[in-house]
Amino acid sequence: MCLLKLKGEDSDKKLIVTNCHMFWHPRFDYVKFAQGLYYLKKVAEFARLHKKEESDKLPIIMAGDFNSMPNSSVLSLFDNTDLNDDNCAYMFPMV
């Protein structure tokens, strides 16, 4: 994660840029879900640390290799989609 301060006269604007790489195996969606929760938690902590005031909103770019299908549980964390049977199908693989 890094905090960037934009250049320019009288500019006090900041931007957070993050990157991650999730576990690769498709049968372990629950691992990627846990990694996604951890990633979001750490980004939120980093943003709070660098805000001047509680009301400040820092723009955040979250990039990465999520190794997931569009309807996966981990990606539902990032687009505020509710978890359902479709995106949880691989969260608890049958043994």
PDB file of N, CA and C in Angstrom:
ATOM      1  N   MET A   1       0.844  -1.172   0.000  1.00  0.00           N
ATOM      2  CA  MET A   1       0.000   0.000   0.000  1.00  0.00           C
ATOM      3  C   MET A   1       0.883   1.225   0.000  1.00  0.00           C
ATOM      4  N   CYS A   2       0.397   2.241  -0.680  1.00  0.00           N
ATOM      5  CA  CYS A   2       1.130   3.489  -0.618  1.00  0.00           C
ATOM      6  C   CYS A   2       0.155   4.657  -0.643  1.00  0.00           C
ATOM      7  N   LEU A   3       0.587   5.746  -0.052  1.00  0.00           N
ATOM      8  CA  LEU A   3      -0.172   6.979  -0.029  1.00  0.00           C
ATOM      9  C   LEU A   3       0.529   7.946  -0.964  1.00  0.00           C
ATOM     10  N   LEU A   4      -0.192   8.439  -1.953  1.00  0.00           N
ATOM     11  CA  LEU A   4       0.385   9.376  -2.913  1.00  0.00           C
ATOM     12  C   LEU A   4      -0.189  10.762  -2.667  1.00  0.00           C
ATOM     13  N   LYS A   5       0.655  11.751  -2.690  1.00  0.00           N
ATOM     14  CA  LYS A   5       0.201  13.127  -2.597  1.00  0.00           C
ATOM     15  C   LYS A   5       0.296  13.718  -3.994  1.00  0.00           C
ATOM     16  N   LEU A   6      -0.817  14.216  -4.506  1.00  0.00           N
ATOM     17  CA  LEU A   6      -0.849  14.742  -5.859  1.00  0.00           C
ATOM     18  C   LEU A   6      -0.118  16.072  -5.927  1.00  0.00           C
ATOM     19  N   LYS A   7       0.637  16.267  -7.006  1.00  0.00           N
ATOM     20  CA  LYS A   7       1.406  17.491  -7.179  1.00  0.00           C
ATOM     21  C   LYS A   7       0.521  18.621  -7.683  1.00  0.00           C
ATOM     22  N   GLY A   8       0.962  19.819  -7.420  1.00  0.00           N
ATOM     23  CA  GLY A   8       0.257  20.985  -7.929  1.00  0.00           C
ATOM     24  C   GLY A   8       0.228  22.077  -6.887  1.00  0.00           C
ATOM     25  N   GLU A   9       0.050  23.286  -7.374  1.00  0.00           N
ATOM     26  CA  GLU A   9      -0.041  24.412  -6.447  1.00  0.00           C
ATOM     27  C   GLU A   9      -1.251  24.252  -5.553  1.00  0.00           C
ATOM     28  N   ASP A  10      -1.073  24.539  -4.321  1.00  0.00           N
ATOM     29  CA  ASP A  10      -2.152  24.490  -3.337  1.00  0.00           C
ATOM     30  C   ASP A  10      -2.862  23.140  -3.288  1.00  0.00           C
ATOM     31  N   SER A  11      -2.213  22.113  -3.753  1.00  0.00           N
ATOM     32  CA  SER A  11      -2.851  20.797  -3.745  1.00  0.00           C
ATOM     33  C   SER A  11      -2.507  20.066  -2.459  1.00  0.00           C
ATOM     34  N   ASP A  12      -3.541  19.636  -1.778  1.00  0.00           N
ATOM     35  CA  ASP A  12      -3.357  18.837  -0.578  1.00  0.00           C
ATOM     36  C   ASP A  12      -4.069  17.496  -0.761  1.00  0.00           C
ATOM     37  N   LYS A  13      -4.310  17.144  -2.020  1.00  0.00           N
ATOM     38  CA  LYS A  13      -5.054  15.928  -2.310  1.00  0.00           C
ATOM     39  C   LYS A  13      -4.152  14.706  -2.206  1.00  0.00           C
ATOM     40  N   LYS A  14      -4.758  13.626  -1.705  1.00  0.00           N
ATOM     41  CA  LYS A  14      -4.031  12.369  -1.539  1.00  0.00           C
ATOM     42  C   LYS A  14      -4.829  11.232  -2.160  1.00  0.00           C
ATOM     43  N   LEU A  15      -4.128  10.153  -2.463  1.00  0.00           N
ATOM     44  CA  LEU A  15      -4.712   8.983  -3.094  1.00  0.00           C
ATOM     45  C   LEU A  15      -4.010   7.750  -2.533  1.00  0.00           C
ATOM     46  N   ILE A  16      -4.782   6.733  -2.205  1.00  0.00           N
ATOM     47  CA  ILE A  16      -4.208   5.471  -1.731  1.00  0.00           C
ATOM     48  C   ILE A  16      -4.255   4.463  -2.877  1.00  0.00           C
ATOM     49  N   VAL A  17      -3.140   3.788  -3.111  1.00  0.00           N
ATOM     50  CA  VAL A  17      -3.060   2.747  -4.130  1.00  0.00           C
ATOM     51  C   VAL A  17      -2.610   1.458  -3.444  1.00  0.00           C
ATOM     52  N   THR A  18      -3.359   0.382  -3.672  1.00  0.00           N
ATOM     53  CA  THR A  18      -3.030  -0.902  -3.050  1.00  0.00           C
ATOM     54  C   THR A  18      -2.979  -1.997  -4.112  1.00  0.00           C
ATOM     55  N   ASN A  19      -2.361  -3.106  -3.757  1.00  0.00           N
ATOM     56  CA  ASN A  19      -2.268  -4.244  -4.657  1.00  0.00           C
ATOM     57  C   ASN A  19      -2.255  -5.524  -3.827  1.00  0.00           C
ATOM     58  N   CYS A  20      -2.845  -6.586  -4.369  1.00  0.00           N
ATOM     59  CA  CYS A  20      -2.832  -7.866  -3.654  1.00  0.00           C
ATOM     60  C   CYS A  20      -2.726  -9.012  -4.664  1.00  0.00           C
ATOM     61  N   HIS A  21      -2.431 -10.171  -4.147  1.00  0.00           N
ATOM     62  CA  HIS A  21      -2.413 -11.384  -4.966  1.00  0.00           C
ATOM     63  C   HIS A  21      -3.039 -12.488  -4.130  1.00  0.00           C
ATOM     64  N   MET A  22      -4.206 -12.985  -4.571  1.00  0.00           N
ATOM     65  CA  MET A  22      -4.944 -14.000  -3.831  1.00  0.00           C
ATOM     66  C   MET A  22      -4.467 -15.408  -4.199  1.00  0.00           C
ATOM     67  N   PHE A  23      -4.761 -16.328  -3.314  1.00  0.00           N
ATOM     68  CA  PHE A  23      -4.446 -17.750  -3.520  1.00  0.00           C
ATOM     69  C   PHE A  23      -5.053 -18.221  -4.838  1.00  0.00           C
ATOM     70  N   TRP A  24      -4.420 -19.139  -5.513  1.00  0.00           N
ATOM     71  CA  TRP A  24      -4.802 -19.492  -6.875  1.00  0.00           C
ATOM     72  C   TRP A  24      -5.834 -20.595  -7.014  1.00  0.00           C
ATOM     73  N   HIS A  25      -5.867 -21.560  -6.119  1.00  0.00           N
ATOM     74  CA  HIS A  25      -6.630 -22.787  -6.346  1.00  0.00           C
ATOM     75  C   HIS A  25      -8.152 -22.551  -6.304  1.00  0.00           C
ATOM     76  N   PRO A  26      -8.878 -22.976  -7.348  1.00  0.00           N
ATOM     77  CA  PRO A  26     -10.321 -22.725  -7.410  1.00  0.00           C
ATOM     78  C   PRO A  26     -11.138 -23.467  -6.351  1.00  0.00           C
ATOM     79  N   ARG A  27     -10.617 -24.542  -5.790  1.00  0.00           N
ATOM     80  CA  ARG A  27     -11.381 -25.288  -4.769  1.00  0.00           C
ATOM     81  C   ARG A  27     -11.318 -24.633  -3.401  1.00  0.00           C
ATOM     82  N   PHE A  28     -10.502 -23.612  -3.236  1.00  0.00           N
ATOM     83  CA  PHE A  28     -10.332 -22.985  -1.929  1.00  0.00           C
ATOM     84  C   PHE A  28     -10.819 -21.535  -1.937  1.00  0.00           C
ATOM     85  N   ASP A  29     -12.069 -21.361  -2.370  1.00  0.00           N
ATOM     86  CA  ASP A  29     -12.650 -20.023  -2.423  1.00  0.00           C
ATOM     87  C   ASP A  29     -12.695 -19.387  -1.039  1.00  0.00           C
ATOM     88  N   TYR A  30     -12.904 -20.202   0.002  1.00  0.00           N
ATOM     89  CA  TYR A  30     -12.976 -19.668   1.357  1.00  0.00           C
ATOM     90  C   TYR A  30     -11.649 -19.021   1.784  1.00  0.00           C
ATOM     91  N   VAL A  31     -10.533 -19.505   1.247  1.00  0.00           N
ATOM     92  CA  VAL A  31      -9.231 -18.901   1.554  1.00  0.00           C
ATOM     93  C   VAL A  31      -9.167 -17.507   0.941  1.00  0.00           C
ATOM     94  N   LYS A  32      -9.605 -17.393  -0.317  1.00  0.00           N
ATOM     95  CA  LYS A  32      -9.610 -16.084  -0.986  1.00  0.00           C
ATOM     96  C   LYS A  32     -10.573 -15.130  -0.292  1.00  0.00           C
ATOM     97  N   PHE A  33     -11.710 -15.650   0.194  1.00  0.00           N
ATOM     98  CA  PHE A  33     -12.668 -14.821   0.934  1.00  0.00           C
ATOM     99  C   PHE A  33     -12.009 -14.261   2.199  1.00  0.00           C
ATOM    100  N   ALA A  34     -11.313 -15.116   2.935  1.00  0.00           N
ATOM    101  CA  ALA A  34     -10.607 -14.671   4.146  1.00  0.00           C
ATOM    102  C   ALA A  34      -9.518 -13.663   3.799  1.00  0.00           C
ATOM    103  N   GLN A  35      -8.789 -13.913   2.710  1.00  0.00           N
ATOM    104  CA  GLN A  35      -7.762 -12.958   2.284  1.00  0.00           C
ATOM    105  C   GLN A  35      -8.405 -11.621   1.905  1.00  0.00           C
ATOM    106  N   GLY A  36      -9.558 -11.669   1.253  1.00  0.00           N
ATOM    107  CA  GLY A  36     -10.263 -10.441   0.884  1.00  0.00           C
ATOM    108  C   GLY A  36     -10.689  -9.644   2.100  1.00  0.00           C
ATOM    109  N   LEU A  37     -11.210 -10.323   3.124  1.00  0.00           N
ATOM    110  CA  LEU A  37     -11.587  -9.639   4.366  1.00  0.00           C
ATOM    111  C   LEU A  37     -10.375  -8.972   5.007  1.00  0.00           C
ATOM    112  N   TYR A  38      -9.281  -9.705   5.052  1.00  0.00           N
ATOM    113  CA  TYR A  38      -8.049  -9.166   5.637  1.00  0.00           C
ATOM    114  C   TYR A  38      -7.557  -7.950   4.836  1.00  0.00           C
ATOM    115  N   TYR A  39      -7.590  -8.066   3.522  1.00  0.00           N
ATOM    116  CA  TYR A  39      -7.163  -6.973   2.631  1.00  0.00           C
ATOM    117  C   TYR A  39      -8.001  -5.718   2.878  1.00  0.00           C
ATOM    118  N   LEU A  40      -9.331  -5.880   2.926  1.00  0.00           N
ATOM    119  CA  LEU A  40     -10.208  -4.733   3.171  1.00  0.00           C
ATOM    120  C   LEU A  40      -9.946  -4.107   4.536  1.00  0.00           C
ATOM    121  N   LYS A  41      -9.716  -4.950   5.539  1.00  0.00           N
ATOM    122  CA  LYS A  41      -9.431  -4.454   6.889  1.00  0.00           C
ATOM    123  C   LYS A  41      -8.146  -3.627   6.898  1.00  0.00           C
ATOM    124  N   LYS A  42      -7.103  -4.135   6.262  1.00  0.00           N
ATOM    125  CA  LYS A  42      -5.825  -3.430   6.245  1.00  0.00           C
ATOM    126  C   LYS A  42      -5.907  -2.122   5.449  1.00  0.00           C
ATOM    127  N   VAL A  43      -6.650  -2.125   4.352  1.00  0.00           N
ATOM    128  CA  VAL A  43      -6.821  -0.890   3.574  1.00  0.00           C
ATOM    129  C   VAL A  43      -7.576   0.147   4.404  1.00  0.00           C
ATOM    130  N   ALA A  44      -8.626  -0.279   5.106  1.00  0.00           N
ATOM    131  CA  ALA A  44      -9.397   0.638   5.961  1.00  0.00           C
ATOM    132  C   ALA A  44      -8.524   1.212   7.076  1.00  0.00           C
ATOM    133  N   GLU A  45      -7.704   0.377   7.698  1.00  0.00           N
ATOM    134  CA  GLU A  45      -6.795   0.852   8.755  1.00  0.00           C
ATOM    135  C   GLU A  45      -5.799   1.867   8.192  1.00  0.00           C
ATOM    136  N   PHE A  46      -5.256   1.579   7.024  1.00  0.00           N
ATOM    137  CA  PHE A  46      -4.291   2.468   6.381  1.00  0.00           C
ATOM    138  C   PHE A  46      -4.942   3.803   6.050  1.00  0.00           C
ATOM    139  N   ALA A  47      -6.166   3.767   5.539  1.00  0.00           N
ATOM    140  CA  ALA A  47      -6.889   5.006   5.200  1.00  0.00           C
ATOM    141  C   ALA A  47      -7.160   5.829   6.454  1.00  0.00           C
ATOM    142  N   ARG A  48      -7.617   5.170   7.523  1.00  0.00           N
ATOM    143  CA  ARG A  48      -7.873   5.888   8.784  1.00  0.00           C
ATOM    144  C   ARG A  48      -6.608   6.552   9.312  1.00  0.00           C
ATOM    145  N   LEU A  49      -5.508   5.875   9.191  1.00  0.00           N
ATOM    146  CA  LEU A  49      -4.229   6.381   9.678  1.00  0.00           C
ATOM    147  C   LEU A  49      -3.813   7.669   8.957  1.00  0.00           C
ATOM    148  N   HIS A  50      -4.184   7.784   7.686  1.00  0.00           N
ATOM    149  CA  HIS A  50      -3.717   8.908   6.878  1.00  0.00           C
ATOM    150  C   HIS A  50      -4.751  10.002   6.651  1.00  0.00           C
ATOM    151  N   LYS A  51      -5.925   9.883   7.266  1.00  0.00           N
ATOM    152  CA  LYS A  51      -6.923  10.938   7.144  1.00  0.00           C
ATOM    153  C   LYS A  51      -6.614  12.034   8.158  1.00  0.00           C
ATOM    154  N   LYS A  52      -6.805  13.282   7.730  1.00  0.00           N
ATOM    155  CA  LYS A  52      -6.606  14.390   8.661  1.00  0.00           C
ATOM    156  C   LYS A  52      -7.774  14.482   9.640  1.00  0.00           C
ATOM    157  N   GLU A  53      -8.975  14.368   9.104  1.00  0.00           N
ATOM    158  CA  GLU A  53     -10.176  14.451   9.921  1.00  0.00           C
ATOM    159  C   GLU A  53     -11.047  13.240   9.630  1.00  0.00           C
ATOM    160  N   GLU A  54     -11.910  12.894  10.557  1.00  0.00           N
ATOM    161  CA  GLU A  54     -12.760  11.717  10.396  1.00  0.00           C
ATOM    162  C   GLU A  54     -13.662  11.822   9.171  1.00  0.00           C
ATOM    163  N   SER A  55     -14.039  13.039   8.801  1.00  0.00           N
ATOM    164  CA  SER A  55     -14.950  13.227   7.671  1.00  0.00           C
ATOM    165  C   SER A  55     -14.247  13.164   6.309  1.00  0.00           C
ATOM    166  N   ASP A  56     -12.909  13.170   6.309  1.00  0.00           N
ATOM    167  CA  ASP A  56     -12.164  13.094   5.047  1.00  0.00           C
ATOM    168  C   ASP A  56     -12.429  11.765   4.347  1.00  0.00           C
ATOM    169  N   LYS A  57     -12.488  11.830   3.028  1.00  0.00           N
ATOM    170  CA  LYS A  57     -12.635  10.608   2.230  1.00  0.00           C
ATOM    171  C   LYS A  57     -11.477  10.559   1.254  1.00  0.00           C
ATOM    172  N   LEU A  58     -10.602   9.596   1.448  1.00  0.00           N
ATOM    173  CA  LEU A  58      -9.459   9.418   0.559  1.00  0.00           C
ATOM    174  C   LEU A  58      -9.848   8.481  -0.584  1.00  0.00           C
ATOM    175  N   PRO A  59      -9.583   8.874  -1.833  1.00  0.00           N
ATOM    176  CA  PRO A  59      -9.815   7.936  -2.937  1.00  0.00           C
ATOM    177  C   PRO A  59      -8.866   6.749  -2.811  1.00  0.00           C
ATOM    178  N   ILE A  60      -9.387   5.561  -3.118  1.00  0.00           N
ATOM    179  CA  ILE A  60      -8.593   4.342  -2.986  1.00  0.00           C
ATOM    180  C   ILE A  60      -8.691   3.537  -4.283  1.00  0.00           C
ATOM    181  N   ILE A  61      -7.550   3.147  -4.812  1.00  0.00           N
ATOM    182  CA  ILE A  61      -7.492   2.225  -5.942  1.00  0.00           C
ATOM    183  C   ILE A  61      -7.002   0.892  -5.393  1.00  0.00           C
ATOM    184  N   MET A  62      -7.842  -0.135  -5.541  1.00  0.00           N
ATOM    185  CA  MET A  62      -7.500  -1.470  -5.059  1.00  0.00           C
ATOM    186  C   MET A  62      -7.324  -2.360  -6.280  1.00  0.00           C
ATOM    187  N   ALA A  63      -6.104  -2.750  -6.540  1.00  0.00           N
ATOM    188  CA  ALA A  63      -5.806  -3.589  -7.697  1.00  0.00           C
ATOM    189  C   ALA A  63      -5.301  -4.940  -7.218  1.00  0.00           C
ATOM    190  N   GLY A  64      -5.253  -5.899  -8.135  1.00  0.00           N
ATOM    191  CA  GLY A  64      -4.678  -7.164  -7.747  1.00  0.00           C
ATOM    192  C   GLY A  64      -5.076  -8.294  -8.659  1.00  0.00           C
ATOM    193  N   ASP A  65      -4.469  -9.430  -8.391  1.00  0.00           N
ATOM    194  CA  ASP A  65      -4.810 -10.667  -9.063  1.00  0.00           C
ATOM    195  C   ASP A  65      -5.645 -11.452  -8.055  1.00  0.00           C
ATOM    196  N   PHE A  66      -6.963 -11.439  -8.252  1.00  0.00           N
ATOM    197  CA  PHE A  66      -7.863 -12.062  -7.290  1.00  0.00           C
ATOM    198  C   PHE A  66      -8.057 -13.558  -7.565  1.00  0.00           C
ATOM    199  N   ASN A  67      -7.550 -14.043  -8.698  1.00  0.00           N
ATOM    200  CA  ASN A  67      -7.658 -15.464  -9.048  1.00  0.00           C
ATOM    201  C   ASN A  67      -9.062 -16.004  -8.813  1.00  0.00           C
ATOM    202  N   SER A  68     -10.073 -15.236  -9.226  1.00  0.00           N
ATOM    203  CA  SER A  68     -11.455 -15.599  -8.943  1.00  0.00           C
ATOM    204  C   SER A  68     -12.354 -15.322 -10.141  1.00  0.00           C
ATOM    205  N   MET A  69     -13.461 -16.035 -10.184  1.00  0.00           N
ATOM    206  CA  MET A  69     -14.481 -15.819 -11.204  1.00  0.00           C
ATOM    207  C   MET A  69     -15.320 -14.598 -10.804  1.00  0.00           C
ATOM    208  N   PRO A  70     -15.972 -13.963 -11.777  1.00  0.00           N
ATOM    209  CA  PRO A  70     -16.752 -12.753 -11.479  1.00  0.00           C
ATOM    210  C   PRO A  70     -17.828 -12.935 -10.405  1.00  0.00           C
ATOM    211  N   ASN A  71     -18.392 -14.125 -10.280  1.00  0.00           N
ATOM    212  CA  ASN A  71     -19.450 -14.336  -9.283  1.00  0.00           C
ATOM    213  C   ASN A  71     -18.933 -14.962  -7.985  1.00  0.00           C
ATOM    214  N   SER A  72     -17.643 -14.878  -7.719  1.00  0.00           N
ATOM    215  CA  SER A  72     -17.055 -15.522  -6.537  1.00  0.00           C
ATOM    216  C   SER A  72     -17.374 -14.758  -5.260  1.00  0.00           C
ATOM    217  N   SER A  73     -17.210 -15.446  -4.151  1.00  0.00           N
ATOM    218  CA  SER A  73     -17.495 -14.835  -2.847  1.00  0.00           C
ATOM    219  C   SER A  73     -16.542 -13.679  -2.553  1.00  0.00           C
ATOM    220  N   VAL A  74     -15.275 -13.816  -2.917  1.00  0.00           N
ATOM    221  CA  VAL A  74     -14.325 -12.749  -2.601  1.00  0.00           C
ATOM    222  C   VAL A  74     -14.655 -11.470  -3.373  1.00  0.00           C
ATOM    223  N   LEU A  75     -15.051 -11.611  -4.628  1.00  0.00           N
ATOM    224  CA  LEU A  75     -15.376 -10.409  -5.394  1.00  0.00           C
ATOM    225  C   LEU A  75     -16.670  -9.770  -4.919  1.00  0.00           C
ATOM    226  N   SER A  76     -17.551 -10.561  -4.293  1.00  0.00           N
ATOM    227  CA  SER A  76     -18.771  -9.981  -3.730  1.00  0.00           C
ATOM    228  C   SER A  76     -18.440  -9.014  -2.588  1.00  0.00           C
ATOM    229  N   LEU A  77     -17.290  -9.230  -1.930  1.00  0.00           N
ATOM    230  CA  LEU A  77     -16.860  -8.297  -0.882  1.00  0.00           C
ATOM    231  C   LEU A  77     -16.540  -6.919  -1.454  1.00  0.00           C
ATOM    232  N   PHE A  78     -15.999  -6.904  -2.664  1.00  0.00           N
ATOM    233  CA  PHE A  78     -15.522  -5.658  -3.254  1.00  0.00           C
ATOM    234  C   PHE A  78     -16.598  -4.899  -4.019  1.00  0.00           C
ATOM    235  N   ASP A  79     -17.667  -5.576  -4.406  1.00  0.00           N
ATOM    236  CA  ASP A  79     -18.718  -4.848  -5.137  1.00  0.00           C
ATOM    237  C   ASP A  79     -20.031  -4.798  -4.369  1.00  0.00           C
ATOM    238  N   ASN A  80     -19.989  -5.123  -3.081  1.00  0.00           N
ATOM    239  CA  ASN A  80     -21.152  -5.065  -2.190  1.00  0.00           C
ATOM    240  C   ASN A  80     -22.291  -5.978  -2.626  1.00  0.00           C
ATOM    241  N   THR A  81     -21.970  -7.045  -3.327  1.00  0.00           N
ATOM    242  CA  THR A  81     -22.983  -8.026  -3.703  1.00  0.00           C
ATOM    243  C   THR A  81     -23.251  -8.930  -2.509  1.00  0.00           C
ATOM    244  N   ASP A  82     -24.512  -9.259  -2.300  1.00  0.00           N
ATOM    245  CA  ASP A  82     -24.839 -10.187  -1.221  1.00  0.00           C
ATOM    246  C   ASP A  82     -24.290 -11.564  -1.537  1.00  0.00           C
ATOM    247  N   LEU A  83     -23.884 -12.261  -0.505  1.00  0.00           N
ATOM    248  CA  LEU A  83     -23.454 -13.648  -0.678  1.00  0.00           C
ATOM    249  C   LEU A  83     -24.690 -14.499  -0.927  1.00  0.00           C
ATOM    250  N   ASN A  84     -24.604 -15.419  -1.869  1.00  0.00           N
ATOM    251  CA  ASN A  84     -25.726 -16.310  -2.171  1.00  0.00           C
ATOM    252  C   ASN A  84     -25.188 -17.659  -2.632  1.00  0.00           C
ATOM    253  N   ASP A  85     -26.096 -18.546  -3.024  1.00  0.00           N
ATOM    254  CA  ASP A  85     -25.683 -19.894  -3.440  1.00  0.00           C
ATOM    255  C   ASP A  85     -24.717 -19.861  -4.614  1.00  0.00           C
ATOM    256  N   ASP A  86     -24.911 -18.922  -5.537  1.00  0.00           N
ATOM    257  CA  ASP A  86     -24.039 -18.851  -6.711  1.00  0.00           C
ATOM    258  C   ASP A  86     -22.616 -18.475  -6.349  1.00  0.00           C
ATOM    259  N   ASN A  87     -22.440 -17.437  -5.515  1.00  0.00           N
ATOM    260  CA  ASN A  87     -21.080 -16.999  -5.233  1.00  0.00           C
ATOM    261  C   ASN A  87     -20.477 -17.691  -4.014  1.00  0.00           C
ATOM    262  N   CYS A  88     -21.197 -18.599  -3.398  1.00  0.00           N
ATOM    263  CA  CYS A  88     -20.635 -19.380  -2.279  1.00  0.00           C
ATOM    264  C   CYS A  88     -20.486 -20.857  -2.632  1.00  0.00           C
ATOM    265  N   ALA A  89     -20.742 -21.202  -3.870  1.00  0.00           N
ATOM    266  CA  ALA A  89     -20.729 -22.609  -4.266  1.00  0.00           C
ATOM    267  C   ALA A  89     -19.398 -23.292  -3.951  1.00  0.00           C
ATOM    268  N   TYR A  90     -18.307 -22.555  -4.060  1.00  0.00           N
ATOM    269  CA  TYR A  90     -16.995 -23.163  -3.835  1.00  0.00           C
ATOM    270  C   TYR A  90     -16.373 -22.761  -2.505  1.00  0.00           C
ATOM    271  N   MET A  91     -17.144 -22.053  -1.682  1.00  0.00           N
ATOM    272  CA  MET A  91     -16.567 -21.612  -0.420  1.00  0.00           C
ATOM    273  C   MET A  91     -16.313 -22.793   0.523  1.00  0.00           C
ATOM    274  N   PHE A  92     -17.201 -23.745   0.537  1.00  0.00           N
ATOM    275  CA  PHE A  92     -17.046 -24.912   1.394  1.00  0.00           C
ATOM    276  C   PHE A  92     -17.091 -26.152   0.517  1.00  0.00           C
ATOM    277  N   PRO A  93     -15.944 -26.506  -0.075  1.00  0.00           N
ATOM    278  CA  PRO A  93     -15.923 -27.624  -1.031  1.00  0.00           C
ATOM    279  C   PRO A  93     -16.293 -28.942  -0.356  1.00  0.00           C
ATOM    280  N   MET A  94     -16.967 -29.764  -1.129  1.00  0.00           N
ATOM    281  CA  MET A  94     -17.312 -31.106  -0.651  1.00  0.00           C
ATOM    282  C   MET A  94     -16.028 -31.936  -0.645  1.00  0.00           C
ATOM    283  N   VAL A  95     -15.842 -32.723   0.394  1.00  0.00           N
ATOM    284  CA  VAL A  95     -14.649 -33.540   0.469  1.00  0.00           C
ATOM    285  C   VAL A  95     -14.953 -34.973   0.121  1.00  0.00           C
TER     286      VAL A  95
END
